[in-house]
Amino acid sequence: MDVDAALTDVCDRQYPVAYETVVQECDEGVVEFANGERMPLPEILEVIDDEPETFRSETELEAFVTSLLPEDAVGRKGYDDRGSAATESDETSF
């Protein structure tokens, strides 16, 4: 998933930036998911009922957009590239 590239390529803004500015001026951004699927930024943002007024930084905007993505956008759930994926039976109780 490459939210950073989608925002940087079409939405290189000065921060803080208003939510409405992002919606209006970054409408050509496309996020590519781990599985190769692509979703336009406006489609991602349309699920918002109560939009924020501003974003203070690029990191804040990226985290916000990432939080709106479908669950399968980030790849395999529970994946760990350090070995095997953790399962409930692998958890240790203290």
PDB file of N, CA and C in Angstrom:
ATOM      1  N   MET A   1       0.851  -1.162   0.000  1.00  0.00           N
ATOM      2  CA  MET A   1       0.000   0.000   0.000  1.00  0.00           C
ATOM      3  C   MET A   1       0.900   1.229   0.000  1.00  0.00           C
ATOM      4  N   ASP A   2       0.573   2.188  -0.832  1.00  0.00           N
ATOM      5  CA  ASP A   2       1.442   3.352  -0.927  1.00  0.00           C
ATOM      6  C   ASP A   2       0.631   4.643  -0.840  1.00  0.00           C
ATOM      7  N   VAL A   3       0.186   4.955   0.358  1.00  0.00           N
ATOM      8  CA  VAL A   3      -0.570   6.182   0.598  1.00  0.00           C
ATOM      9  C   VAL A   3       0.338   7.383   0.413  1.00  0.00           C
ATOM     10  N   ASP A   4       1.561   7.283   0.893  1.00  0.00           N
ATOM     11  CA  ASP A   4       2.511   8.389   0.805  1.00  0.00           C
ATOM     12  C   ASP A   4       2.715   8.835  -0.638  1.00  0.00           C
ATOM     13  N   ALA A   5       2.930   7.891  -1.542  1.00  0.00           N
ATOM     14  CA  ALA A   5       3.131   8.246  -2.951  1.00  0.00           C
ATOM     15  C   ALA A   5       1.879   8.882  -3.541  1.00  0.00           C
ATOM     16  N   ALA A   6       0.717   8.358  -3.212  1.00  0.00           N
ATOM     17  CA  ALA A   6      -0.533   8.920  -3.741  1.00  0.00           C
ATOM     18  C   ALA A   6      -0.711  10.366  -3.299  1.00  0.00           C
ATOM     19  N   LEU A   7      -0.351  10.659  -2.074  1.00  0.00           N
ATOM     20  CA  LEU A   7      -0.516  12.023  -1.566  1.00  0.00           C
ATOM     21  C   LEU A   7       0.597  12.943  -2.051  1.00  0.00           C
ATOM     22  N   THR A   8       1.822  12.457  -2.088  1.00  0.00           N
ATOM     23  CA  THR A   8       2.957  13.285  -2.494  1.00  0.00           C
ATOM     24  C   THR A   8       2.893  13.649  -3.971  1.00  0.00           C
ATOM     25  N   ASP A   9       2.529  12.686  -4.808  1.00  0.00           N
ATOM     26  CA  ASP A   9       2.508  12.920  -6.253  1.00  0.00           C
ATOM     27  C   ASP A   9       1.502  13.991  -6.672  1.00  0.00           C
ATOM     28  N   VAL A  10       0.352  14.032  -6.036  1.00  0.00           N
ATOM     29  CA  VAL A  10      -0.695  14.963  -6.481  1.00  0.00           C
ATOM     30  C   VAL A  10      -1.105  15.971  -5.423  1.00  0.00           C
ATOM     31  N   CYS A  11      -0.564  15.841  -4.240  1.00  0.00           N
ATOM     32  CA  CYS A  11      -1.049  16.679  -3.140  1.00  0.00           C
ATOM     33  C   CYS A  11       0.107  17.222  -2.313  1.00  0.00           C
ATOM     34  N   ASP A  12       1.073  17.800  -2.978  1.00  0.00           N
ATOM     35  CA  ASP A  12       2.208  18.375  -2.281  1.00  0.00           C
ATOM     36  C   ASP A  12       1.788  19.743  -1.756  1.00  0.00           C
ATOM     37  N   ARG A  13       1.417  19.827  -0.509  1.00  0.00           N
ATOM     38  CA  ARG A  13       0.821  21.015   0.097  1.00  0.00           C
ATOM     39  C   ARG A  13       1.704  21.585   1.197  1.00  0.00           C
ATOM     40  N   GLN A  14       1.435  22.799   1.545  1.00  0.00           N
ATOM     41  CA  GLN A  14       1.992  23.411   2.742  1.00  0.00           C
ATOM     42  C   GLN A  14       1.052  23.064   3.897  1.00  0.00           C
ATOM     43  N   TYR A  15       1.608  22.794   5.048  1.00  0.00           N
ATOM     44  CA  TYR A  15       0.795  22.433   6.214  1.00  0.00           C
ATOM     45  C   TYR A  15       0.869  23.533   7.242  1.00  0.00           C
ATOM     46  N   PRO A  16      -0.229  23.753   7.961  1.00  0.00           N
ATOM     47  CA  PRO A  16      -1.483  23.003   7.958  1.00  0.00           C
ATOM     48  C   PRO A  16      -2.268  23.233   6.663  1.00  0.00           C
ATOM     49  N   VAL A  17      -3.089  22.217   6.315  1.00  0.00           N
ATOM     50  CA  VAL A  17      -3.915  22.289   5.119  1.00  0.00           C
ATOM     51  C   VAL A  17      -5.349  21.918   5.494  1.00  0.00           C
ATOM     52  N   ALA A  18      -6.294  22.628   4.931  1.00  0.00           N
ATOM     53  CA  ALA A  18      -7.712  22.364   5.214  1.00  0.00           C
ATOM     54  C   ALA A  18      -8.169  21.079   4.531  1.00  0.00           C
ATOM     55  N   TYR A  19      -9.066  20.369   5.173  1.00  0.00           N
ATOM     56  CA  TYR A  19      -9.638  19.145   4.605  1.00  0.00           C
ATOM     57  C   TYR A  19     -10.229  19.435   3.226  1.00  0.00           C
ATOM     58  N   GLU A  20     -10.958  20.522   3.101  1.00  0.00           N
ATOM     59  CA  GLU A  20     -11.583  20.883   1.816  1.00  0.00           C
ATOM     60  C   GLU A  20     -10.547  21.098   0.720  1.00  0.00           C
ATOM     61  N   THR A  21      -9.395  21.642   1.069  1.00  0.00           N
ATOM     62  CA  THR A  21      -8.322  21.818   0.095  1.00  0.00           C
ATOM     63  C   THR A  21      -7.831  20.472  -0.401  1.00  0.00           C
ATOM     64  N   VAL A  22      -7.667  19.529   0.507  1.00  0.00           N
ATOM     65  CA  VAL A  22      -7.244  18.176   0.123  1.00  0.00           C
ATOM     66  C   VAL A  22      -8.265  17.565  -0.823  1.00  0.00           C
ATOM     67  N   VAL A  23      -9.532  17.673  -0.494  1.00  0.00           N
ATOM     68  CA  VAL A  23     -10.601  17.101  -1.325  1.00  0.00           C
ATOM     69  C   VAL A  23     -10.601  17.729  -2.716  1.00  0.00           C
ATOM     70  N   GLN A  24     -10.464  19.037  -2.786  1.00  0.00           N
ATOM     71  CA  GLN A  24     -10.537  19.748  -4.060  1.00  0.00           C
ATOM     72  C   GLN A  24      -9.275  19.608  -4.909  1.00  0.00           C
ATOM     73  N   GLU A  25      -8.116  19.677  -4.287  1.00  0.00           N
ATOM     74  CA  GLU A  25      -6.874  19.744  -5.053  1.00  0.00           C
ATOM     75  C   GLU A  25      -6.123  18.421  -5.180  1.00  0.00           C
ATOM     76  N   CYS A  26      -6.543  17.412  -4.462  1.00  0.00           N
ATOM     77  CA  CYS A  26      -5.835  16.119  -4.492  1.00  0.00           C
ATOM     78  C   CYS A  26      -6.731  15.033  -5.084  1.00  0.00           C
ATOM     79  N   ASP A  27      -7.659  15.440  -5.922  1.00  0.00           N
ATOM     80  CA  ASP A  27      -8.661  14.505  -6.437  1.00  0.00           C
ATOM     81  C   ASP A  27      -8.116  13.516  -7.467  1.00  0.00           C
ATOM     82  N   GLU A  28      -6.871  13.689  -7.893  1.00  0.00           N
ATOM     83  CA  GLU A  28      -6.286  12.752  -8.854  1.00  0.00           C
ATOM     84  C   GLU A  28      -5.428  11.678  -8.183  1.00  0.00           C
ATOM     85  N   GLY A  29      -5.331  11.722  -6.856  1.00  0.00           N
ATOM     86  CA  GLY A  29      -4.538  10.736  -6.131  1.00  0.00           C
ATOM     87  C   GLY A  29      -5.169   9.355  -6.187  1.00  0.00           C
ATOM     88  N   VAL A  30      -4.321   8.348  -6.331  1.00  0.00           N
ATOM     89  CA  VAL A  30      -4.768   6.952  -6.369  1.00  0.00           C
ATOM     90  C   VAL A  30      -3.864   6.158  -5.430  1.00  0.00           C
ATOM     91  N   VAL A  31      -4.492   5.401  -4.525  1.00  0.00           N
ATOM     92  CA  VAL A  31      -3.732   4.571  -3.592  1.00  0.00           C
ATOM     93  C   VAL A  31      -3.715   3.146  -4.129  1.00  0.00           C
ATOM     94  N   GLU A  32      -2.512   2.573  -4.221  1.00  0.00           N
ATOM     95  CA  GLU A  32      -2.386   1.185  -4.663  1.00  0.00           C
ATOM     96  C   GLU A  32      -2.227   0.299  -3.439  1.00  0.00           C
ATOM     97  N   PHE A  33      -3.090  -0.711  -3.332  1.00  0.00           N
ATOM     98  CA  PHE A  33      -3.087  -1.624  -2.199  1.00  0.00           C
ATOM     99  C   PHE A  33      -2.020  -2.696  -2.379  1.00  0.00           C
ATOM    100  N   ALA A  34      -1.759  -3.432  -1.309  1.00  0.00           N
ATOM    101  CA  ALA A  34      -0.766  -4.504  -1.329  1.00  0.00           C
ATOM    102  C   ALA A  34      -1.115  -5.579  -2.349  1.00  0.00           C
ATOM    103  N   ASN A  35      -2.413  -5.787  -2.606  1.00  0.00           N
ATOM    104  CA  ASN A  35      -2.842  -6.825  -3.553  1.00  0.00           C
ATOM    105  C   ASN A  35      -2.894  -6.326  -4.998  1.00  0.00           C
ATOM    106  N   GLY A  36      -2.466  -5.079  -5.245  1.00  0.00           N
ATOM    107  CA  GLY A  36      -2.451  -4.516  -6.588  1.00  0.00           C
ATOM    108  C   GLY A  36      -3.694  -3.722  -6.944  1.00  0.00           C
ATOM    109  N   GLU A  37      -4.740  -3.844  -6.148  1.00  0.00           N
ATOM    110  CA  GLU A  37      -5.962  -3.072  -6.390  1.00  0.00           C
ATOM    111  C   GLU A  37      -5.667  -1.595  -6.181  1.00  0.00           C
ATOM    112  N   ARG A  38      -6.374  -0.745  -6.894  1.00  0.00           N
ATOM    113  CA  ARG A  38      -6.175   0.699  -6.794  1.00  0.00           C
ATOM    114  C   ARG A  38      -7.498   1.358  -6.432  1.00  0.00           C
ATOM    115  N   MET A  39      -7.427   2.429  -5.617  1.00  0.00           N
ATOM    116  CA  MET A  39      -8.632   3.159  -5.233  1.00  0.00           C
ATOM    117  C   MET A  39      -8.328   4.652  -5.282  1.00  0.00           C
ATOM    118  N   PRO A  40      -9.145   5.420  -6.004  1.00  0.00           N
ATOM    119  CA  PRO A  40      -8.943   6.871  -6.063  1.00  0.00           C
ATOM    120  C   PRO A  40      -9.138   7.515  -4.688  1.00  0.00           C
ATOM    121  N   LEU A  41      -8.335   8.515  -4.389  1.00  0.00           N
ATOM    122  CA  LEU A  41      -8.425   9.224  -3.121  1.00  0.00           C
ATOM    123  C   LEU A  41      -9.832   9.766  -2.845  1.00  0.00           C
ATOM    124  N   PRO A  42     -10.528  10.363  -3.837  1.00  0.00           N
ATOM    125  CA  PRO A  42     -11.886  10.844  -3.558  1.00  0.00           C
ATOM    126  C   PRO A  42     -12.835   9.728  -3.103  1.00  0.00           C
ATOM    127  N   GLU A  43     -12.658   8.528  -3.626  1.00  0.00           N
ATOM    128  CA  GLU A  43     -13.497   7.393  -3.224  1.00  0.00           C
ATOM    129  C   GLU A  43     -13.196   6.993  -1.777  1.00  0.00           C
ATOM    130  N   ILE A  44     -11.950   7.095  -1.382  1.00  0.00           N
ATOM    131  CA  ILE A  44     -11.565   6.781  -0.010  1.00  0.00           C
ATOM    132  C   ILE A  44     -12.165   7.811   0.947  1.00  0.00           C
ATOM    133  N   LEU A  45     -12.099   9.073   0.570  1.00  0.00           N
ATOM    134  CA  LEU A  45     -12.566  10.152   1.445  1.00  0.00           C
ATOM    135  C   LEU A  45     -14.084  10.266   1.527  1.00  0.00           C
ATOM    136  N   GLU A  46     -14.809   9.670   0.598  1.00  0.00           N
ATOM    137  CA  GLU A  46     -16.265   9.830   0.595  1.00  0.00           C
ATOM    138  C   GLU A  46     -16.960   9.095   1.735  1.00  0.00           C
ATOM    139  N   VAL A  47     -16.261   8.254   2.474  1.00  0.00           N
ATOM    140  CA  VAL A  47     -16.868   7.532   3.587  1.00  0.00           C
ATOM    141  C   VAL A  47     -16.950   8.375   4.859  1.00  0.00           C
ATOM    142  N   ILE A  48     -16.391   9.564   4.831  1.00  0.00           N
ATOM    143  CA  ILE A  48     -16.334  10.426   6.012  1.00  0.00           C
ATOM    144  C   ILE A  48     -17.682  11.085   6.271  1.00  0.00           C
ATOM    145  N   ASP A  49     -18.157  10.963   7.519  1.00  0.00           N
ATOM    146  CA  ASP A  49     -19.370  11.671   7.934  1.00  0.00           C
ATOM    147  C   ASP A  49     -19.030  12.992   8.608  1.00  0.00           C
ATOM    148  N   ASP A  50     -17.987  12.974   9.420  1.00  0.00           N
ATOM    149  CA  ASP A  50     -17.594  14.157  10.183  1.00  0.00           C
ATOM    150  C   ASP A  50     -16.126  14.445   9.880  1.00  0.00           C
ATOM    151  N   GLU A  51     -15.889  15.189   8.808  1.00  0.00           N
ATOM    152  CA  GLU A  51     -14.515  15.415   8.372  1.00  0.00           C
ATOM    153  C   GLU A  51     -13.781  16.389   9.284  1.00  0.00           C
ATOM    154  N   PRO A  52     -12.473  16.203   9.404  1.00  0.00           N
ATOM    155  CA  PRO A  52     -11.657  17.126  10.197  1.00  0.00           C
ATOM    156  C   PRO A  52     -11.551  18.472   9.488  1.00  0.00           C
ATOM    157  N   GLU A  53     -11.235  19.505  10.231  1.00  0.00           N
ATOM    158  CA  GLU A  53     -11.088  20.829   9.614  1.00  0.00           C
ATOM    159  C   GLU A  53      -9.755  20.967   8.902  1.00  0.00           C
ATOM    160  N   THR A  54      -8.677  20.562   9.571  1.00  0.00           N
ATOM    161  CA  THR A  54      -7.339  20.710   8.991  1.00  0.00           C
ATOM    162  C   THR A  54      -6.451  19.518   9.352  1.00  0.00           C
ATOM    163  N   PHE A  55      -5.367  19.402   8.594  1.00  0.00           N
ATOM    164  CA  PHE A  55      -4.303  18.453   8.898  1.00  0.00           C
ATOM    165  C   PHE A  55      -3.065  19.269   9.186  1.00  0.00           C
ATOM    166  N   ARG A  56      -2.407  18.993  10.307  1.00  0.00           N
ATOM    167  CA  ARG A  56      -1.242  19.780  10.715  1.00  0.00           C
ATOM    168  C   ARG A  56       0.039  19.357  10.024  1.00  0.00           C
ATOM    169  N   SER A  57       0.063  18.116   9.485  1.00  0.00           N
ATOM    170  CA  SER A  57       1.280  17.638   8.852  1.00  0.00           C
ATOM    171  C   SER A  57       0.943  16.573   7.818  1.00  0.00           C
ATOM    172  N   GLU A  58       1.918  16.275   6.980  1.00  0.00           N
ATOM    173  CA  GLU A  58       1.752  15.220   5.988  1.00  0.00           C
ATOM    174  C   GLU A  58       1.539  13.868   6.678  1.00  0.00           C
ATOM    175  N   THR A  59       2.226  13.665   7.784  1.00  0.00           N
ATOM    176  CA  THR A  59       2.084  12.420   8.538  1.00  0.00           C
ATOM    177  C   THR A  59       0.661  12.267   9.055  1.00  0.00           C
ATOM    178  N   GLU A  60       0.077  13.351   9.540  1.00  0.00           N
ATOM    179  CA  GLU A  60      -1.301  13.315  10.041  1.00  0.00           C
ATOM    180  C   GLU A  60      -2.287  12.994   8.913  1.00  0.00           C
ATOM    181  N   LEU A  61      -2.088  13.605   7.753  1.00  0.00           N
ATOM    182  CA  LEU A  61      -2.953  13.340   6.604  1.00  0.00           C
ATOM    183  C   LEU A  61      -2.813  11.891   6.151  1.00  0.00           C
ATOM    184  N   GLU A  62      -1.585  11.396   6.078  1.00  0.00           N
ATOM    185  CA  GLU A  62      -1.347  10.018   5.653  1.00  0.00           C
ATOM    186  C   GLU A  62      -1.993   9.022   6.624  1.00  0.00           C
ATOM    187  N   ALA A  63      -1.860   9.269   7.915  1.00  0.00           N
ATOM    188  CA  ALA A  63      -2.472   8.383   8.918  1.00  0.00           C
ATOM    189  C   ALA A  63      -3.992   8.404   8.805  1.00  0.00           C
ATOM    190  N   PHE A  64      -4.552   9.574   8.539  1.00  0.00           N
ATOM    191  CA  PHE A  64      -6.003   9.699   8.389  1.00  0.00           C
ATOM    192  C   PHE A  64      -6.495   8.893   7.195  1.00  0.00           C
ATOM    193  N   VAL A  65      -5.839   9.046   6.051  1.00  0.00           N
ATOM    194  CA  VAL A  65      -6.242   8.314   4.851  1.00  0.00           C
ATOM    195  C   VAL A  65      -6.069   6.818   5.068  1.00  0.00           C
ATOM    196  N   THR A  66      -4.971   6.417   5.675  1.00  0.00           N
ATOM    197  CA  THR A  66      -4.726   5.001   5.946  1.00  0.00           C
ATOM    198  C   THR A  66      -5.824   4.414   6.824  1.00  0.00           C
ATOM    199  N   SER A  67      -6.298   5.177   7.789  1.00  0.00           N
ATOM    200  CA  SER A  67      -7.349   4.680   8.689  1.00  0.00           C
ATOM    201  C   SER A  67      -8.674   4.444   7.972  1.00  0.00           C
ATOM    202  N   LEU A  68      -8.848   5.035   6.801  1.00  0.00           N
ATOM    203  CA  LEU A  68     -10.090   4.891   6.046  1.00  0.00           C
ATOM    204  C   LEU A  68     -10.078   3.723   5.069  1.00  0.00           C
ATOM    205  N   LEU A  69      -8.912   3.150   4.846  1.00  0.00           N
ATOM    206  CA  LEU A  69      -8.783   2.097   3.835  1.00  0.00           C
ATOM    207  C   LEU A  69      -9.458   0.807   4.280  1.00  0.00           C
ATOM    208  N   PRO A  70      -9.935   0.026   3.320  1.00  0.00           N
ATOM    209  CA  PRO A  70     -10.513  -1.269   3.660  1.00  0.00           C
ATOM    210  C   PRO A  70      -9.463  -2.172   4.303  1.00  0.00           C
ATOM    211  N   GLU A  71      -9.922  -3.115   5.105  1.00  0.00           N
ATOM    212  CA  GLU A  71      -9.016  -3.988   5.858  1.00  0.00           C
ATOM    213  C   GLU A  71      -8.037  -4.740   4.966  1.00  0.00           C
ATOM    214  N   ASP A  72      -8.479  -5.164   3.784  1.00  0.00           N
ATOM    215  CA  ASP A  72      -7.598  -5.951   2.911  1.00  0.00           C
ATOM    216  C   ASP A  72      -6.587  -5.099   2.146  1.00  0.00           C
ATOM    217  N   ALA A  73      -6.607  -3.788   2.334  1.00  0.00           N
ATOM    218  CA  ALA A  73      -5.705  -2.893   1.605  1.00  0.00           C
ATOM    219  C   ALA A  73      -4.263  -3.013   2.062  1.00  0.00           C
ATOM    220  N   VAL A  74      -4.041  -3.399   3.294  1.00  0.00           N
ATOM    221  CA  VAL A  74      -2.689  -3.417   3.837  1.00  0.00           C
ATOM    222  C   VAL A  74      -2.008  -4.762   3.724  1.00  0.00           C
ATOM    223  N   GLY A  75      -2.628  -5.722   3.118  1.00  0.00           N
ATOM    224  CA  GLY A  75      -2.009  -7.040   2.964  1.00  0.00           C
ATOM    225  C   GLY A  75      -2.570  -8.032   3.956  1.00  0.00           C
ATOM    226  N   ARG A  76      -1.825  -9.095   4.187  1.00  0.00           N
ATOM    227  CA  ARG A  76      -2.301 -10.161   5.063  1.00  0.00           C
ATOM    228  C   ARG A  76      -2.375  -9.697   6.502  1.00  0.00           C
ATOM    229  N   LYS A  77      -3.538  -9.914   7.115  1.00  0.00           N
ATOM    230  CA  LYS A  77      -3.741  -9.539   8.506  1.00  0.00           C
ATOM    231  C   LYS A  77      -2.892 -10.434   9.401  1.00  0.00           C
ATOM    232  N   GLY A  78      -2.158  -9.844  10.327  1.00  0.00           N
ATOM    233  CA  GLY A  78      -1.331 -10.586  11.252  1.00  0.00           C
ATOM    234  C   GLY A  78      -0.002 -11.044  10.673  1.00  0.00           C
ATOM    235  N   TYR A  79       0.337 -10.595   9.481  1.00  0.00           N
ATOM    236  CA  TYR A  79       1.583 -11.012   8.843  1.00  0.00           C
ATOM    237  C   TYR A  79       2.780 -10.427   9.579  1.00  0.00           C
ATOM    238  N   ASP A  80       3.805 -11.239   9.746  1.00  0.00           N
ATOM    239  CA  ASP A  80       5.035 -10.812  10.386  1.00  0.00           C
ATOM    240  C   ASP A  80       6.189 -11.275   9.507  1.00  0.00           C
ATOM    241  N   ASP A  81       6.972 -10.355   8.976  1.00  0.00           N
ATOM    242  CA  ASP A  81       8.051 -10.740   8.074  1.00  0.00           C
ATOM    243  C   ASP A  81       9.290 -11.261   8.807  1.00  0.00           C
ATOM    244  N   ARG A  82       9.181 -11.456  10.093  1.00  0.00           N
ATOM    245  CA  ARG A  82      10.304 -11.974  10.883  1.00  0.00           C
ATOM    246  C   ARG A  82      10.211 -13.477  11.108  1.00  0.00           C
ATOM    247  N   GLY A  83       9.307 -14.108  10.455  1.00  0.00           N
ATOM    248  CA  GLY A  83       9.148 -15.543  10.647  1.00  0.00           C
ATOM    249  C   GLY A  83       7.748 -15.942  10.262  1.00  0.00           C
ATOM    250  N   SER A  84       7.016 -16.469  11.194  1.00  0.00           N
ATOM    251  CA  SER A  84       5.653 -16.891  10.902  1.00  0.00           C
ATOM    252  C   SER A  84       4.669 -15.900  11.475  1.00  0.00           C
ATOM    253  N   ALA A  85       3.472 -15.948  10.948  1.00  0.00           N
ATOM    254  CA  ALA A  85       2.409 -15.082  11.445  1.00  0.00           C
ATOM    255  C   ALA A  85       1.958 -15.595  12.804  1.00  0.00           C
ATOM    256  N   ALA A  86       1.709 -14.690  13.721  1.00  0.00           N
ATOM    257  CA  ALA A  86       1.238 -15.080  15.046  1.00  0.00           C
ATOM    258  C   ALA A  86      -0.199 -15.560  14.959  1.00  0.00           C
ATOM    259  N   THR A  87      -0.502 -16.581  15.705  1.00  0.00           N
ATOM    260  CA  THR A  87      -1.870 -17.080  15.788  1.00  0.00           C
ATOM    261  C   THR A  87      -2.281 -17.061  17.243  1.00  0.00           C
ATOM    262  N   GLU A  88      -3.560 -17.280  17.488  1.00  0.00           N
ATOM    263  CA  GLU A  88      -4.034 -17.271  18.871  1.00  0.00           C
ATOM    264  C   GLU A  88      -3.320 -18.318  19.703  1.00  0.00           C
ATOM    265  N   SER A  89      -3.014 -19.484  19.127  1.00  0.00           N
ATOM    266  CA  SER A  89      -2.356 -20.535  19.880  1.00  0.00           C
ATOM    267  C   SER A  89      -0.897 -20.203  20.184  1.00  0.00           C
ATOM    268  N   ASP A  90      -0.305 -19.251  19.456  1.00  0.00           N
ATOM    269  CA  ASP A  90       1.086 -18.863  19.671  1.00  0.00           C
ATOM    270  C   ASP A  90       1.235 -17.819  20.791  1.00  0.00           C
ATOM    271  N   GLU A  91       0.136 -17.219  21.207  1.00  0.00           N
ATOM    272  CA  GLU A  91       0.218 -16.158  22.196  1.00  0.00           C
ATOM    273  C   GLU A  91       0.612 -16.709  23.550  1.00  0.00           C
ATOM    274  N   THR A  92       1.401 -15.943  24.273  1.00  0.00           N
ATOM    275  CA  THR A  92       1.847 -16.330  25.601  1.00  0.00           C
ATOM    276  C   THR A  92       1.064 -15.538  26.629  1.00  0.00           C
ATOM    277  N   SER A  93       0.591 -16.228  27.662  1.00  0.00           N
ATOM    278  CA  SER A  93      -0.160 -15.575  28.712  1.00  0.00           C
ATOM    279  C   SER A  93       0.768 -15.314  29.891  1.00  0.00           C
ATOM    280  N   PHE A  94       0.701 -14.126  30.451  1.00  0.00           N
ATOM    281  CA  PHE A  94       1.541 -13.789  31.600  1.00  0.00           C
ATOM    282  C   PHE A  94       0.728 -13.678  32.836  1.00  0.00           C
TER     283      PHE A  94
END
